Each structure stands twice: as C-alpha cells, then as structure tokens.
C-alpha atoms as a PDB file:
ATOM      1  CA  MET A   1      -3.260   3.828  10.245  1.00  0.00           C
ATOM      2  CA  ASN A   2      -3.637  -0.087  10.068  1.00  0.00           C
ATOM      3  CA  SER A   3      -6.459  -1.801  11.794  1.00  0.00           C
ATOM      4  CA  ILE A   4      -7.787  -5.298  11.757  1.00  0.00           C
ATOM      5  CA  ILE A   5     -11.500  -5.478  10.793  1.00  0.00           C
ATOM      6  CA  THR A   6     -14.090  -8.179  10.127  1.00  0.00           C
ATOM      7  CA  VAL A   7     -16.737  -7.261   7.273  1.00  0.00           C
ATOM      8  CA  THR A   8     -19.713  -9.525   6.333  1.00  0.00           C
ATOM      9  CA  GLY A   9     -20.893  -8.907   2.812  1.00  0.00           C
ATOM     10  CA  ASN A  10     -21.374 -10.090  -0.658  1.00  0.00           C
ATOM     11  CA  LEU A  11     -18.751 -10.115  -3.660  1.00  0.00           C
ATOM     12  CA  THR A  12     -19.348  -7.384  -6.197  1.00  0.00           C
ATOM     13  CA  ARG A  13     -17.247  -8.862  -8.918  1.00  0.00           C
ATOM     14  CA  GLU A  14     -15.471 -12.123  -9.767  1.00  0.00           C
ATOM     15  CA  PRO A  15     -12.141 -12.921  -7.965  1.00  0.00           C
ATOM     16  CA  GLU A  16      -9.235 -12.187 -10.247  1.00  0.00           C
ATOM     17  CA  LEU A  17      -6.316 -14.346  -9.529  1.00  0.00           C
ATOM     18  CA  LYS A  18      -2.781 -13.476 -10.638  1.00  0.00           C
ATOM     19  CA  PHE A  19       0.650 -14.884  -9.627  1.00  0.00           C
ATOM     20  CA  GLY A  20       3.760 -12.679  -9.039  1.00  0.00           C
ATOM     21  CA  ASP A  21       7.220 -13.215 -10.481  1.00  0.00           C
ATOM     22  CA  ASN A  22       7.978 -15.010  -7.263  1.00  0.00           C
ATOM     23  CA  GLY A  23       5.146 -17.437  -7.869  1.00  0.00           C
ATOM     24  CA  LEU A  24       3.015 -15.905  -5.057  1.00  0.00           C
ATOM     25  CA  ALA A  25      -0.794 -16.131  -5.759  1.00  0.00           C
ATOM     26  CA  ARG A  26      -2.817 -12.854  -5.290  1.00  0.00           C
ATOM     27  CA  VAL A  27      -6.455 -12.368  -5.637  1.00  0.00           C
ATOM     28  CA  ARG A  28      -8.523  -9.101  -5.786  1.00  0.00           C
ATOM     29  CA  PHE A  29     -12.194  -8.749  -5.579  1.00  0.00           C
ATOM     30  CA  GLY A  30     -14.923  -6.296  -4.284  1.00  0.00           C
ATOM     31  CA  LEU A  31     -17.123  -6.730  -1.264  1.00  0.00           C
ATOM     32  CA  ALA A  32     -20.305  -4.690  -0.573  1.00  0.00           C
ATOM     33  CA  SER A  33     -21.462  -4.779   3.030  1.00  0.00           C
ATOM     34  CA  THR A  34     -24.943  -3.266   3.880  1.00  0.00           C
ATOM     35  CA  ARG A  35     -25.779  -2.055   7.462  1.00  0.00           C
ATOM     36  CA  ARG A  36     -29.378  -1.524   8.343  1.00  0.00           C
ATOM     37  CA  VAL A  37     -30.448   0.800  11.193  1.00  0.00           C
ATOM     38  CA  LYS A  38     -34.057   1.115  11.689  1.00  0.00           C
ATOM     39  CA  GLU A  39     -35.519   1.827   8.178  1.00  0.00           C
ATOM     40  CA  ARG A  40     -32.290   3.225   6.866  1.00  0.00           C
ATOM     41  CA  GLU A  41     -29.595   1.172   4.846  1.00  0.00           C
ATOM     42  CA  THR A  42     -25.873   2.306   4.308  1.00  0.00           C
ATOM     43  CA  THR A  43     -23.645   0.373   2.011  1.00  0.00           C
ATOM     44  CA  SER A  44     -19.982   0.341   2.265  1.00  0.00           C
ATOM     45  CA  TYR A  45     -17.685  -0.977  -0.585  1.00  0.00           C
ATOM     46  CA  TYR A  46     -14.280  -2.669  -0.128  1.00  0.00           C
ATOM     47  CA  ASP A  47     -11.491  -3.663  -2.408  1.00  0.00           C
ATOM     48  CA  VAL A  48     -10.134  -6.865  -1.088  1.00  0.00           C
ATOM     49  CA  ILE A  49      -6.617  -8.546  -1.784  1.00  0.00           C
ATOM     50  CA  ALA A  50      -5.630 -11.913  -0.342  1.00  0.00           C
ATOM     51  CA  PHE A  51      -2.286 -13.741  -0.972  1.00  0.00           C
ATOM     52  CA  GLY A  52      -0.794 -17.297  -1.079  1.00  0.00           C
ATOM     53  CA  LYS A  53      -3.003 -20.360  -0.346  1.00  0.00           C
ATOM     54  CA  THR A  54      -5.848 -18.014   0.861  1.00  0.00           C
ATOM     55  CA  ALA A  55      -5.906 -16.368  -2.678  1.00  0.00           C
ATOM     56  CA  GLU A  56      -6.037 -19.602  -4.291  1.00  0.00           C
ATOM     57  CA  ASN A  57      -9.009 -20.841  -2.084  1.00  0.00           C
ATOM     58  CA  VAL A  58     -10.990 -17.701  -2.728  1.00  0.00           C
ATOM     59  CA  HIS A  59     -10.514 -17.999  -6.304  1.00  0.00           C
ATOM     60  CA  ALA A  60     -11.715 -21.712  -6.370  1.00  0.00           C
ATOM     61  CA  SER A  61     -14.606 -21.281  -3.980  1.00  0.00           C
ATOM     62  CA  LEU A  62     -16.182 -17.740  -4.334  1.00  0.00           C
ATOM     63  CA  ALA A  63     -17.893 -15.999  -7.190  1.00  0.00           C
ATOM     64  CA  LYS A  64     -19.792 -12.789  -7.707  1.00  0.00           C
ATOM     65  CA  GLY A  65     -22.792 -12.439  -5.335  1.00  0.00           C
ATOM     66  CA  ALA A  66     -21.518 -14.932  -2.854  1.00  0.00           C
ATOM     67  CA  ALA A  67     -21.549 -14.133   0.787  1.00  0.00           C
ATOM     68  CA  ALA A  68     -18.291 -13.832   2.479  1.00  0.00           C
ATOM     69  CA  ILE A  69     -16.942 -12.951   6.036  1.00  0.00           C
ATOM     70  CA  ILE A  70     -13.458 -11.258   5.431  1.00  0.00           C
ATOM     71  CA  SER A  71     -11.053 -10.537   8.378  1.00  0.00           C
ATOM     72  CA  GLY A  72      -7.912  -8.548   7.774  1.00  0.00           C
ATOM     73  CA  ARG A  73      -5.931  -5.300   7.975  1.00  0.00           C
ATOM     74  CA  LEU A  74      -7.577  -2.123   6.701  1.00  0.00           C
ATOM     75  CA  GLU A  75      -5.628   0.178   4.519  1.00  0.00           C
ATOM     76  CA  GLU A  76      -7.386   3.362   3.736  1.00  0.00           C
ATOM     77  CA  GLY A  77      -6.455   5.065   0.453  1.00  0.00           C
ATOM     78  CA  CYS A  78      -4.207   2.243  -0.485  1.00  0.00           C
ATOM     79  CA  CYS A  79      -2.989   2.074  -4.176  1.00  0.00           C
ATOM     80  CA  CYS A  80      -1.574  -1.436  -3.680  1.00  0.00           C
ATOM     81  CA  ASN A  81       0.277  -2.881  -6.596  1.00  0.00           C
ATOM     82  CA  HIS A  82       1.379  -5.933  -4.919  1.00  0.00           C
END
C-alpha cells in the first residue's frame, strides 16, 4: 500500500548522493521521529530516498542531526535499488 505521509524529525546519518547511469541524482539518508505522549516517548526510524534536484538540494543543505520535514510516499518493506 502506498500512502503520502509527512514526518518531522532529525537526520540519523549523512545524506549519501549518487548518480545513476542516466545521470539522475539520488540521495539516501535516515530520519528519526520522536513522538511524545504524556511521559512516554516512541521513536520511529525511516530510510528516505529522494531524486533529481531535490536529492541535490538535500545533499547540499542537510547533514546528520539536522531537523527536517519530509513529505512523500511511504513504501513499507521496500528493498529499493533505484
């Protein structure tokens, strides 16, 4: 099932920029989002992939620990090799 979600969190690792054979940029990084309810905290971890100009902008402007708001399609259990 594909869903559009928005997640607020912090990068858990440096964005890794690569270019495909077709020249399309791809960046991968981790995002941790912590939810607080009363005195309990729950942290969710996401592997994020962005393409094209967005990938280049992420690589140029974000680093490990940076706060980010990510909006995109959620693919659970994806072993994406794009």
